[in-house]
Amino acid sequence: MDDAPASAPDALTLDQLRLFLAVVDAGSFSAAARSLRRAQSAVSYGVGNLEKQLDVQLFDRTTRTPSLTPAGRELLTETREACAQIDHLRARARGIRQGVEPTLGLVVDHLFPVRVLARALAAFRQQFPMVSLTLHTEALGAVYELVARGVCAIGIGNPVPHVPEGLARRPVGRVTMVHVAAPGHPLGKLRGVLPARRVREHVQIVLADRSRLTEGQDFGVYTERRWRVMDLSTKHALLRAGLGWGGMPLHLVADDLARKRLVQLRLEEADAEAREVQLFAIHRTAEPPGPAATWLLGHLGARSM
């Protein structure tokens, strides 16, 4: 069969490919027509034209419901890929037109709830499918450093005593912190408010600071006896193993507290039984967030912690 010119009325079209997929997915021409809110004759005509263009029969119409022919089964995957590529092209063009960033670096503090982050990123993928995302998780001043150095365009970080020059920040939410220990730990066996002298007798497990911005500064540390770890998951495991006590985000240990795998401690030196830590959205003042980054920060801040 000779190739038809691109301007010919029966030239291969994206609509024909989508009609083919609609019939396959719906199971019949009539069901596809209903799902597309089009006349069944239009669906049949479009698929028939596609078969003429490809010079193959895609469906066996001798049965009550059409079934794919061997040729139809072979071409189905490539048809889906072709439609996906067209969608990709259109989304990319739309992003260029709107000034959407092709790539985005995000850094979040270890304290930020993963469940909130995951929900926001799932919505972000739907909204900006063409944006490549790099996610970092850090603690304390390291969040600010990655944004200040341009490694990440935006960040969600803890308060720090001195915000680096050239960075802007705004509040986006709070995380509740509690002090905990395993039930078998010496502090976990005590009741009431724990005096400072008793607390200092035991190892406190704290997050190590990999940032020069806050290097040597301790936040919420009440004893010289301390073990430093690099991430919250390790700290969580050591606390449950009874190797020390320490502060944890309530959202990470709520189930442990409910199941008595950890117990909450009341420290004489702490301001309250639980405290809230303010989190901030951070970006460079000289490079305001683009459309994708702005959308993501707004979505993260709108979610309940």
C-alpha atoms as a PDB file:
ATOM      1  CA  MET A   1       0.000   0.000   0.000  1.00  0.00           C
ATOM      2  CA  ASP A   2       1.377   3.441  -0.962  1.00  0.00           C
ATOM      3  CA  ASP A   3       1.995   5.895   1.849  1.00  0.00           C
ATOM      4  CA  ALA A   4      -0.719   8.525   2.025  1.00  0.00           C
ATOM      5  CA  PRO A   5       0.412  12.162   2.134  1.00  0.00           C
ATOM      6  CA  ALA A   6       0.230  13.846   5.523  1.00  0.00           C
ATOM      7  CA  SER A   7      -2.581  16.109   4.308  1.00  0.00           C
ATOM      8  CA  ALA A   8      -4.770  13.265   3.043  1.00  0.00           C
ATOM      9  CA  PRO A   9      -8.155  12.914   4.786  1.00  0.00           C
ATOM     10  CA  ASP A  10      -7.404   9.324   5.755  1.00  0.00           C
ATOM     11  CA  ALA A  11      -3.852   9.978   7.039  1.00  0.00           C
ATOM     12  CA  LEU A  12      -2.823   8.220  10.255  1.00  0.00           C
ATOM     13  CA  THR A  13      -3.886  10.338  13.246  1.00  0.00           C
ATOM     14  CA  LEU A  14      -3.402  10.344  16.989  1.00  0.00           C
ATOM     15  CA  ASP A  15      -7.172  10.163  17.366  1.00  0.00           C
ATOM     16  CA  GLN A  16      -7.226   6.854  15.491  1.00  0.00           C
ATOM     17  CA  LEU A  17      -4.561   5.431  17.794  1.00  0.00           C
ATOM     18  CA  ARG A  18      -6.514   6.523  20.857  1.00  0.00           C
ATOM     19  CA  LEU A  19      -9.689   5.003  19.458  1.00  0.00           C
ATOM     20  CA  PHE A  20      -7.871   1.698  19.011  1.00  0.00           C
ATOM     21  CA  LEU A  21      -6.707   1.793  22.643  1.00  0.00           C
ATOM     22  CA  ALA A  22     -10.167   2.803  23.849  1.00  0.00           C
ATOM     23  CA  VAL A  23     -11.772  -0.239  22.213  1.00  0.00           C
ATOM     24  CA  VAL A  24      -9.122  -2.528  23.688  1.00  0.00           C
ATOM     25  CA  ASP A  25      -9.504  -1.061  27.173  1.00  0.00           C
ATOM     26  CA  ALA A  26     -13.306  -0.902  27.106  1.00  0.00           C
ATOM     27  CA  GLY A  27     -13.749  -4.348  25.561  1.00  0.00           C
ATOM     28  CA  SER A  28     -16.036  -3.362  22.701  1.00  0.00           C
ATOM     29  CA  PHE A  29     -16.776  -0.586  20.210  1.00  0.00           C
ATOM     30  CA  SER A  30     -20.017   0.323  21.970  1.00  0.00           C
ATOM     31  CA  ALA A  31     -18.361   0.526  25.396  1.00  0.00           C
ATOM     32  CA  ALA A  32     -15.542   2.627  23.946  1.00  0.00           C
ATOM     33  CA  ALA A  33     -18.081   4.973  22.353  1.00  0.00           C
ATOM     34  CA  ARG A  34     -19.854   5.424  25.687  1.00  0.00           C
ATOM     35  CA  SER A  35     -16.617   6.110  27.552  1.00  0.00           C
ATOM     36  CA  LEU A  36     -15.568   8.670  24.931  1.00  0.00           C
ATOM     37  CA  ARG A  37     -19.098  10.103  24.564  1.00  0.00           C
ATOM     38  CA  ARG A  38     -18.925   9.620  20.834  1.00  0.00           C
ATOM     39  CA  ALA A  39     -21.114   7.812  18.358  1.00  0.00           C
ATOM     40  CA  GLN A  40     -20.286   4.139  17.883  1.00  0.00           C
ATOM     41  CA  SER A  41     -20.163   4.689  14.127  1.00  0.00           C
ATOM     42  CA  ALA A  42     -17.431   7.318  14.618  1.00  0.00           C
ATOM     43  CA  VAL A  43     -15.369   4.909  16.718  1.00  0.00           C
ATOM     44  CA  SER A  44     -15.799   2.106  14.176  1.00  0.00           C
ATOM     45  CA  TYR A  45     -14.943   4.443  11.319  1.00  0.00           C
ATOM     46  CA  GLY A  46     -11.808   5.719  13.042  1.00  0.00           C
ATOM     47  CA  VAL A  47     -10.510   2.230  13.845  1.00  0.00           C
ATOM     48  CA  GLY A  48     -11.357   1.084  10.317  1.00  0.00           C
ATOM     49  CA  ASN A  49      -9.331   3.945   8.860  1.00  0.00           C
ATOM     50  CA  LEU A  50      -6.421   3.022  11.123  1.00  0.00           C
ATOM     51  CA  GLU A  51      -6.544  -0.543   9.826  1.00  0.00           C
ATOM     52  CA  LYS A  52      -6.483   0.793   6.260  1.00  0.00           C
ATOM     53  CA  GLN A  53      -3.519   3.031   7.047  1.00  0.00           C
ATOM     54  CA  LEU A  54      -1.570   0.185   8.645  1.00  0.00           C
ATOM     55  CA  ASP A  55      -2.816  -2.349   6.087  1.00  0.00           C
ATOM     56  CA  VAL A  56      -3.559  -4.882   8.841  1.00  0.00           C
ATOM     57  CA  GLN A  57      -6.692  -6.059  10.606  1.00  0.00           C
ATOM     58  CA  LEU A  58      -6.535  -5.142  14.289  1.00  0.00           C
ATOM     59  CA  PHE A  59      -9.785  -6.734  15.470  1.00  0.00           C
ATOM     60  CA  ASP A  60     -11.591  -9.965  14.705  1.00  0.00           C
ATOM     61  CA  ARG A  61     -15.215  -8.830  14.272  1.00  0.00           C
ATOM     62  CA  THR A  62     -16.709 -12.262  13.613  1.00  0.00           C
ATOM     63  CA  THR A  63     -17.592 -12.766  17.274  1.00  0.00           C
ATOM     64  CA  ARG A  64     -20.116 -10.912  19.422  1.00  0.00           C
ATOM     65  CA  THR A  65     -17.378  -8.857  21.044  1.00  0.00           C
ATOM     66  CA  PRO A  66     -14.325  -7.882  18.992  1.00  0.00           C
ATOM     67  CA  SER A  67     -11.048  -9.526  19.899  1.00  0.00           C
ATOM     68  CA  LEU A  68      -7.529  -8.544  18.948  1.00  0.00           C
ATOM     69  CA  THR A  69      -5.986 -10.316  16.000  1.00  0.00           C
ATOM     70  CA  PRO A  70      -2.350 -11.463  16.271  1.00  0.00           C
ATOM     71  CA  ALA A  71      -1.367  -8.257  14.438  1.00  0.00           C
ATOM     72  CA  GLY A  72      -3.450  -6.188  16.847  1.00  0.00           C
ATOM     73  CA  ARG A  73      -1.767  -7.784  19.844  1.00  0.00           C
ATOM     74  CA  GLU A  74       1.671  -7.079  18.370  1.00  0.00           C
ATOM     75  CA  LEU A  75       0.872  -3.434  17.643  1.00  0.00           C
ATOM     76  CA  LEU A  76      -0.883  -2.730  20.939  1.00  0.00           C
ATOM     77  CA  THR A  77       2.260  -2.067  22.998  1.00  0.00           C
ATOM     78  CA  GLU A  78       3.785   0.171  20.315  1.00  0.00           C
ATOM     79  CA  THR A  79       0.523   2.099  20.035  1.00  0.00           C
ATOM     80  CA  ARG A  80       0.510   2.767  23.773  1.00  0.00           C
ATOM     81  CA  GLU A  81       4.141   3.887  23.594  1.00  0.00           C
ATOM     82  CA  ALA A  82       3.410   6.188  20.650  1.00  0.00           C
ATOM     83  CA  CYS A  83       0.530   7.861  22.490  1.00  0.00           C
ATOM     84  CA  ALA A  84       2.650   8.203  25.619  1.00  0.00           C
ATOM     85  CA  GLN A  85       5.415   9.863  23.599  1.00  0.00           C
ATOM     86  CA  ILE A  86       2.958  12.360  22.158  1.00  0.00           C
ATOM     87  CA  ASP A  87       1.674  13.121  25.660  1.00  0.00           C
ATOM     88  CA  HIS A  88       5.270  13.568  26.785  1.00  0.00           C
ATOM     89  CA  LEU A  89       5.956  15.972  23.906  1.00  0.00           C
ATOM     90  CA  ARG A  90       2.888  18.041  24.641  1.00  0.00           C
ATOM     91  CA  ALA A  91       3.628  18.190  28.377  1.00  0.00           C
ATOM     92  CA  ARG A  92       7.210  19.222  27.710  1.00  0.00           C
ATOM     93  CA  ALA A  93       6.105  21.958  25.328  1.00  0.00           C
ATOM     94  CA  ARG A  94       3.559  23.187  27.871  1.00  0.00           C
ATOM     95  CA  GLY A  95       6.280  23.278  30.530  1.00  0.00           C
ATOM     96  CA  ILE A  96       8.579  25.305  28.276  1.00  0.00           C
ATOM     97  CA  ARG A  97       5.756  27.709  27.487  1.00  0.00           C
ATOM     98  CA  GLN A  98       4.978  28.192  31.183  1.00  0.00           C
ATOM     99  CA  GLY A  99       8.626  28.466  32.248  1.00  0.00           C
ATOM    100  CA  VAL A 100       8.511  25.260  34.306  1.00  0.00           C
ATOM    101  CA  GLU A 101      11.896  24.049  35.544  1.00  0.00           C
ATOM    102  CA  PRO A 102      13.116  20.906  33.731  1.00  0.00           C
ATOM    103  CA  THR A 103      14.851  19.733  36.931  1.00  0.00           C
ATOM    104  CA  LEU A 104      14.272  20.490  40.601  1.00  0.00           C
ATOM    105  CA  GLY A 105      16.384  19.839  43.690  1.00  0.00           C
ATOM    106  CA  LEU A 106      14.559  19.557  47.025  1.00  0.00           C
ATOM    107  CA  VAL A 107      16.081  19.023  50.465  1.00  0.00           C
ATOM    108  CA  VAL A 108      13.951  18.278  53.529  1.00  0.00           C
ATOM    109  CA  ASP A 109      14.887  17.960  57.165  1.00  0.00           C
ATOM    110  CA  HIS A 110      14.806  14.462  58.679  1.00  0.00           C
ATOM    111  CA  LEU A 111      11.992  15.660  60.943  1.00  0.00           C
ATOM    112  CA  PHE A 112       9.595  16.285  58.067  1.00  0.00           C
ATOM    113  CA  PRO A 113       6.886  13.574  57.978  1.00  0.00           C
ATOM    114  CA  VAL A 114       7.592  11.118  55.166  1.00  0.00           C
ATOM    115  CA  ARG A 115       3.892  10.372  54.693  1.00  0.00           C
ATOM    116  CA  VAL A 116       3.235  14.077  54.035  1.00  0.00           C
ATOM    117  CA  LEU A 117       6.201  14.251  51.682  1.00  0.00           C
ATOM    118  CA  ALA A 118       5.104  11.158  49.764  1.00  0.00           C
ATOM    119  CA  ARG A 119       1.566  12.488  49.263  1.00  0.00           C
ATOM    120  CA  ALA A 120       2.857  15.836  48.065  1.00  0.00           C
ATOM    121  CA  LEU A 121       5.335  14.246  45.648  1.00  0.00           C
ATOM    122  CA  ALA A 122       2.650  11.942  44.251  1.00  0.00           C
ATOM    123  CA  ALA A 123       0.525  14.992  43.460  1.00  0.00           C
ATOM    124  CA  PHE A 124       3.615  16.791  42.117  1.00  0.00           C
ATOM    125  CA  ARG A 125       4.300  13.952  39.679  1.00  0.00           C
ATOM    126  CA  GLN A 126       0.775  14.266  38.338  1.00  0.00           C
ATOM    127  CA  GLN A 127       1.024  18.045  38.041  1.00  0.00           C
ATOM    128  CA  PHE A 128       4.551  18.199  36.602  1.00  0.00           C
ATOM    129  CA  PRO A 129       5.276  14.825  34.967  1.00  0.00           C
ATOM    130  CA  MET A 130       8.208  16.188  32.943  1.00  0.00           C
ATOM    131  CA  VAL A 131      10.155  17.673  35.876  1.00  0.00           C
ATOM    132  CA  SER A 132      13.084  15.546  37.066  1.00  0.00           C
ATOM    133  CA  LEU A 133      13.301  15.670  40.869  1.00  0.00           C
ATOM    134  CA  THR A 134      16.300  15.094  43.121  1.00  0.00           C
ATOM    135  CA  LEU A 135      15.426  14.659  46.802  1.00  0.00           C
ATOM    136  CA  HIS A 136      17.913  15.083  49.660  1.00  0.00           C
ATOM    137  CA  THR A 137      17.245  14.470  53.350  1.00  0.00           C
ATOM    138  CA  GLU A 138      19.477  16.267  55.839  1.00  0.00           C
ATOM    139  CA  ALA A 139      19.495  17.611  59.378  1.00  0.00           C
ATOM    140  CA  LEU A 140      19.957  21.006  60.991  1.00  0.00           C
ATOM    141  CA  GLY A 141      22.188  23.432  59.055  1.00  0.00           C
ATOM    142  CA  ALA A 142      22.885  21.015  56.199  1.00  0.00           C
ATOM    143  CA  VAL A 143      19.464  21.832  54.728  1.00  0.00           C
ATOM    144  CA  TYR A 144      20.350  25.520  54.517  1.00  0.00           C
ATOM    145  CA  GLU A 145      23.798  24.772  53.105  1.00  0.00           C
ATOM    146  CA  LEU A 146      22.463  22.727  50.180  1.00  0.00           C
ATOM    147  CA  VAL A 147      20.117  25.551  49.227  1.00  0.00           C
ATOM    148  CA  ALA A 148      22.768  28.249  49.731  1.00  0.00           C
ATOM    149  CA  ARG A 149      25.247  26.349  47.527  1.00  0.00           C
ATOM    150  CA  GLY A 150      22.674  25.925  44.780  1.00  0.00           C
ATOM    151  CA  VAL A 151      22.603  22.146  45.050  1.00  0.00           C
ATOM    152  CA  CYS A 152      18.870  22.391  45.774  1.00  0.00           C
ATOM    153  CA  ALA A 153      16.502  25.137  44.658  1.00  0.00           C
ATOM    154  CA  ILE A 154      14.245  24.776  47.694  1.00  0.00           C
ATOM    155  CA  GLY A 155      14.343  23.220  51.143  1.00  0.00           C
ATOM    156  CA  ILE A 156      12.287  22.526  54.244  1.00  0.00           C
ATOM    157  CA  GLY A 157      14.419  23.081  57.337  1.00  0.00           C
ATOM    158  CA  ASN A 158      14.580  23.537  61.082  1.00  0.00           C
ATOM    159  CA  PRO A 159      15.252  26.861  62.762  1.00  0.00           C
ATOM    160  CA  VAL A 160      18.946  27.788  62.896  1.00  0.00           C
ATOM    161  CA  PRO A 161      20.549  30.602  64.922  1.00  0.00           C
ATOM    162  CA  HIS A 162      21.899  32.364  61.821  1.00  0.00           C
ATOM    163  CA  VAL A 163      20.319  32.088  58.382  1.00  0.00           C
ATOM    164  CA  PRO A 164      23.009  32.316  55.691  1.00  0.00           C
ATOM    165  CA  GLU A 165      23.069  35.538  53.705  1.00  0.00           C
ATOM    166  CA  GLY A 166      21.113  35.347  50.478  1.00  0.00           C
ATOM    167  CA  LEU A 167      18.466  32.954  51.750  1.00  0.00           C
ATOM    168  CA  ALA A 168      14.796  33.689  52.371  1.00  0.00           C
ATOM    169  CA  ARG A 169      12.523  31.550  54.500  1.00  0.00           C
ATOM    170  CA  ARG A 170       8.894  31.392  55.624  1.00  0.00           C
ATOM    171  CA  PRO A 171       7.024  29.103  58.066  1.00  0.00           C
ATOM    172  CA  VAL A 172       5.336  26.060  56.536  1.00  0.00           C
ATOM    173  CA  GLY A 173       4.329  23.920  59.502  1.00  0.00           C
ATOM    174  CA  ARG A 174       5.266  22.468  62.862  1.00  0.00           C
ATOM    175  CA  VAL A 175       6.413  19.055  64.037  1.00  0.00           C
ATOM    176  CA  THR A 176       5.754  17.861  67.589  1.00  0.00           C
ATOM    177  CA  MET A 177       8.810  16.418  69.358  1.00  0.00           C
ATOM    178  CA  VAL A 178       8.805  14.085  72.396  1.00  0.00           C
ATOM    179  CA  HIS A 179      11.531  12.511  74.528  1.00  0.00           C
ATOM    180  CA  VAL A 180      11.362   8.725  74.609  1.00  0.00           C
ATOM    181  CA  ALA A 181      13.127   5.613  75.842  1.00  0.00           C
ATOM    182  CA  ALA A 182      12.470   1.887  75.759  1.00  0.00           C
ATOM    183  CA  PRO A 183      10.379   0.518  78.641  1.00  0.00           C
ATOM    184  CA  GLY A 184      13.361  -1.511  79.852  1.00  0.00           C
ATOM    185  CA  HIS A 185      15.728   1.481  79.851  1.00  0.00           C
ATOM    186  CA  PRO A 186      16.479   2.853  83.361  1.00  0.00           C
ATOM    187  CA  LEU A 187      14.792   6.161  82.505  1.00  0.00           C
ATOM    188  CA  GLY A 188      11.869   4.360  80.934  1.00  0.00           C
ATOM    189  CA  LYS A 189      11.140   2.632  84.242  1.00  0.00           C
ATOM    190  CA  LEU A 190      10.814   5.922  86.136  1.00  0.00           C
ATOM    191  CA  ARG A 191       7.608   7.901  86.521  1.00  0.00           C
ATOM    192  CA  GLY A 192       6.981  11.606  86.810  1.00  0.00           C
ATOM    193  CA  VAL A 193       9.339  14.446  85.970  1.00  0.00           C
ATOM    194  CA  LEU A 194      12.957  13.301  85.591  1.00  0.00           C
ATOM    195  CA  PRO A 195      15.508  15.463  87.424  1.00  0.00           C
ATOM    196  CA  ALA A 196      18.505  16.691  85.426  1.00  0.00           C
ATOM    197  CA  ARG A 197      20.979  14.653  87.481  1.00  0.00           C
ATOM    198  CA  ARG A 198      19.239  11.377  86.557  1.00  0.00           C
ATOM    199  CA  VAL A 199      19.022  12.279  82.879  1.00  0.00           C
ATOM    200  CA  ARG A 200      22.744  13.091  82.691  1.00  0.00           C
ATOM    201  CA  GLU A 201      23.629   9.605  83.922  1.00  0.00           C
ATOM    202  CA  HIS A 202      22.476   8.016  80.673  1.00  0.00           C
ATOM    203  CA  VAL A 203      23.455   8.140  77.021  1.00  0.00           C
ATOM    204  CA  GLN A 204      21.404  10.485  74.875  1.00  0.00           C
ATOM    205  CA  ILE A 205      21.180   9.525  71.198  1.00  0.00           C
ATOM    206  CA  VAL A 206      21.319  12.597  68.983  1.00  0.00           C
ATOM    207  CA  LEU A 207      21.551  13.372  65.278  1.00  0.00           C
ATOM    208  CA  ALA A 208      25.018  14.234  64.032  1.00  0.00           C
ATOM    209  CA  ASP A 209      25.401  17.613  62.360  1.00  0.00           C
ATOM    210  CA  ARG A 210      27.180  17.397  59.011  1.00  0.00           C
ATOM    211  CA  SER A 211      26.908  21.143  58.459  1.00  0.00           C
ATOM    212  CA  ARG A 212      29.562  23.777  59.037  1.00  0.00           C
ATOM    213  CA  LEU A 213      26.717  26.233  59.555  1.00  0.00           C
ATOM    214  CA  THR A 214      25.708  24.705  62.896  1.00  0.00           C
ATOM    215  CA  GLU A 215      28.795  22.598  63.599  1.00  0.00           C
ATOM    216  CA  GLY A 216      29.518  22.299  67.317  1.00  0.00           C
ATOM    217  CA  GLN A 217      26.103  23.627  68.333  1.00  0.00           C
ATOM    218  CA  ASP A 218      23.830  21.303  70.262  1.00  0.00           C
ATOM    219  CA  PHE A 219      20.046  21.513  70.074  1.00  0.00           C
ATOM    220  CA  GLY A 220      18.023  19.740  72.739  1.00  0.00           C
ATOM    221  CA  VAL A 221      21.079  17.945  74.208  1.00  0.00           C
ATOM    222  CA  TYR A 222      21.004  17.536  78.003  1.00  0.00           C
ATOM    223  CA  THR A 223      24.038  15.397  78.796  1.00  0.00           C
ATOM    224  CA  GLU A 224      27.693  15.027  77.923  1.00  0.00           C
ATOM    225  CA  ARG A 225      27.099  11.308  77.444  1.00  0.00           C
ATOM    226  CA  ARG A 226      25.868  11.106  73.891  1.00  0.00           C
ATOM    227  CA  TRP A 227      25.951   8.902  70.844  1.00  0.00           C
ATOM    228  CA  ARG A 228      25.711  10.625  67.475  1.00  0.00           C
ATOM    229  CA  VAL A 229      23.989   8.949  64.540  1.00  0.00           C
ATOM    230  CA  MET A 230      23.534  10.093  60.945  1.00  0.00           C
ATOM    231  CA  ASP A 231      19.817   9.517  60.419  1.00  0.00           C
ATOM    232  CA  LEU A 232      16.516   9.202  62.268  1.00  0.00           C
ATOM    233  CA  SER A 233      15.883   5.575  61.297  1.00  0.00           C
ATOM    234  CA  THR A 234      19.105   4.494  63.039  1.00  0.00           C
ATOM    235  CA  LYS A 235      18.287   6.644  66.041  1.00  0.00           C
ATOM    236  CA  HIS A 236      14.805   5.126  66.171  1.00  0.00           C
ATOM    237  CA  ALA A 237      16.203   1.591  66.110  1.00  0.00           C
ATOM    238  CA  LEU A 238      18.735   2.301  68.885  1.00  0.00           C
ATOM    239  CA  LEU A 239      16.066   3.873  71.080  1.00  0.00           C
ATOM    240  CA  ARG A 240      13.805   0.855  70.685  1.00  0.00           C
ATOM    241  CA  ALA A 241      16.761  -1.384  71.484  1.00  0.00           C
ATOM    242  CA  GLY A 242      17.155   0.411  74.822  1.00  0.00           C
ATOM    243  CA  LEU A 243      20.640   1.763  74.042  1.00  0.00           C
ATOM    244  CA  GLY A 244      19.800   5.302  75.068  1.00  0.00           C
ATOM    245  CA  TRP A 245      17.113   7.947  75.222  1.00  0.00           C
ATOM    246  CA  GLY A 246      16.406  10.901  72.983  1.00  0.00           C
ATOM    247  CA  GLY A 247      13.991  13.214  71.244  1.00  0.00           C
ATOM    248  CA  MET A 248      11.937  12.012  68.278  1.00  0.00           C
ATOM    249  CA  PRO A 249       9.155  13.444  66.108  1.00  0.00           C
ATOM    250  CA  LEU A 250       5.846  12.298  67.536  1.00  0.00           C
ATOM    251  CA  HIS A 251       4.627  11.130  64.128  1.00  0.00           C
ATOM    252  CA  LEU A 252       7.485   8.581  63.996  1.00  0.00           C
ATOM    253  CA  VAL A 253       6.976   7.106  67.457  1.00  0.00           C
ATOM    254  CA  ALA A 254       3.214   7.415  67.988  1.00  0.00           C
ATOM    255  CA  ASP A 255       2.682   3.748  67.178  1.00  0.00           C
ATOM    256  CA  ASP A 256       5.577   2.724  69.433  1.00  0.00           C
ATOM    257  CA  LEU A 257       4.085   4.710  72.301  1.00  0.00           C
ATOM    258  CA  ALA A 258       0.657   3.180  71.727  1.00  0.00           C
ATOM    259  CA  ARG A 259       2.110  -0.346  71.659  1.00  0.00           C
ATOM    260  CA  LYS A 260       4.406   0.307  74.665  1.00  0.00           C
ATOM    261  CA  ARG A 261       7.571  -0.272  72.637  1.00  0.00           C
ATOM    262  CA  LEU A 262       8.670   3.183  73.787  1.00  0.00           C
ATOM    263  CA  VAL A 263       7.574   5.377  76.677  1.00  0.00           C
ATOM    264  CA  GLN A 264       7.478   9.150  76.809  1.00  0.00           C
ATOM    265  CA  LEU A 265       9.835  10.909  79.216  1.00  0.00           C
ATOM    266  CA  ARG A 266       9.187  14.133  81.103  1.00  0.00           C
ATOM    267  CA  LEU A 267      12.401  16.084  81.584  1.00  0.00           C
ATOM    268  CA  GLU A 268      12.850  18.688  84.281  1.00  0.00           C
ATOM    269  CA  GLU A 269      15.107  20.715  81.959  1.00  0.00           C
ATOM    270  CA  ALA A 270      12.727  20.608  79.007  1.00  0.00           C
ATOM    271  CA  ASP A 271      10.144  23.337  78.645  1.00  0.00           C
ATOM    272  CA  ALA A 272       7.238  20.900  78.386  1.00  0.00           C
ATOM    273  CA  GLU A 273       6.353  17.260  77.941  1.00  0.00           C
ATOM    274  CA  ALA A 274       6.247  17.841  74.192  1.00  0.00           C
ATOM    275  CA  ARG A 275       7.471  20.745  72.126  1.00  0.00           C
ATOM    276  CA  GLU A 276       6.760  21.932  68.618  1.00  0.00           C
ATOM    277  CA  VAL A 277       9.521  22.654  66.138  1.00  0.00           C
ATOM    278  CA  GLN A 278       8.765  25.225  63.459  1.00  0.00           C
ATOM    279  CA  LEU A 279       9.762  24.211  59.941  1.00  0.00           C
ATOM    280  CA  PHE A 280      10.594  26.724  57.223  1.00  0.00           C
ATOM    281  CA  ALA A 281      10.498  26.776  53.443  1.00  0.00           C
ATOM    282  CA  ILE A 282      13.872  28.019  52.185  1.00  0.00           C
ATOM    283  CA  HIS A 283      15.077  29.387  48.849  1.00  0.00           C
ATOM    284  CA  ARG A 284      17.732  31.718  47.490  1.00  0.00           C
ATOM    285  CA  THR A 285      16.569  35.348  47.272  1.00  0.00           C
ATOM    286  CA  ALA A 286      18.441  35.853  43.985  1.00  0.00           C
ATOM    287  CA  GLU A 287      16.686  32.848  42.418  1.00  0.00           C
ATOM    288  CA  PRO A 288      13.014  32.778  43.419  1.00  0.00           C
ATOM    289  CA  PRO A 289      11.294  29.408  43.008  1.00  0.00           C
ATOM    290  CA  GLY A 290       9.912  28.661  39.561  1.00  0.00           C
ATOM    291  CA  PRO A 291       6.389  27.375  38.887  1.00  0.00           C
ATOM    292  CA  ALA A 292       7.117  23.762  39.870  1.00  0.00           C
ATOM    293  CA  ALA A 293       9.072  24.698  43.014  1.00  0.00           C
ATOM    294  CA  THR A 294       6.435  27.233  44.074  1.00  0.00           C
ATOM    295  CA  TRP A 295       3.672  24.676  43.592  1.00  0.00           C
ATOM    296  CA  LEU A 296       5.561  22.039  45.592  1.00  0.00           C
ATOM    297  CA  LEU A 297       6.356  24.356  48.498  1.00  0.00           C
ATOM    298  CA  GLY A 298       2.738  25.444  48.668  1.00  0.00           C
ATOM    299  CA  HIS A 299       1.556  21.866  48.589  1.00  0.00           C
ATOM    300  CA  LEU A 300       3.980  20.768  51.311  1.00  0.00           C
ATOM    301  CA  GLY A 301       3.001  23.684  53.526  1.00  0.00           C
ATOM    302  CA  ALA A 302      -0.709  23.048  53.019  1.00  0.00           C
ATOM    303  CA  ARG A 303      -0.479  19.470  54.265  1.00  0.00           C
ATOM    304  CA  SER A 304      -1.126  18.658  57.901  1.00  0.00           C
ATOM    305  CA  MET A 305       1.953  17.562  59.832  1.00  0.00           C
END
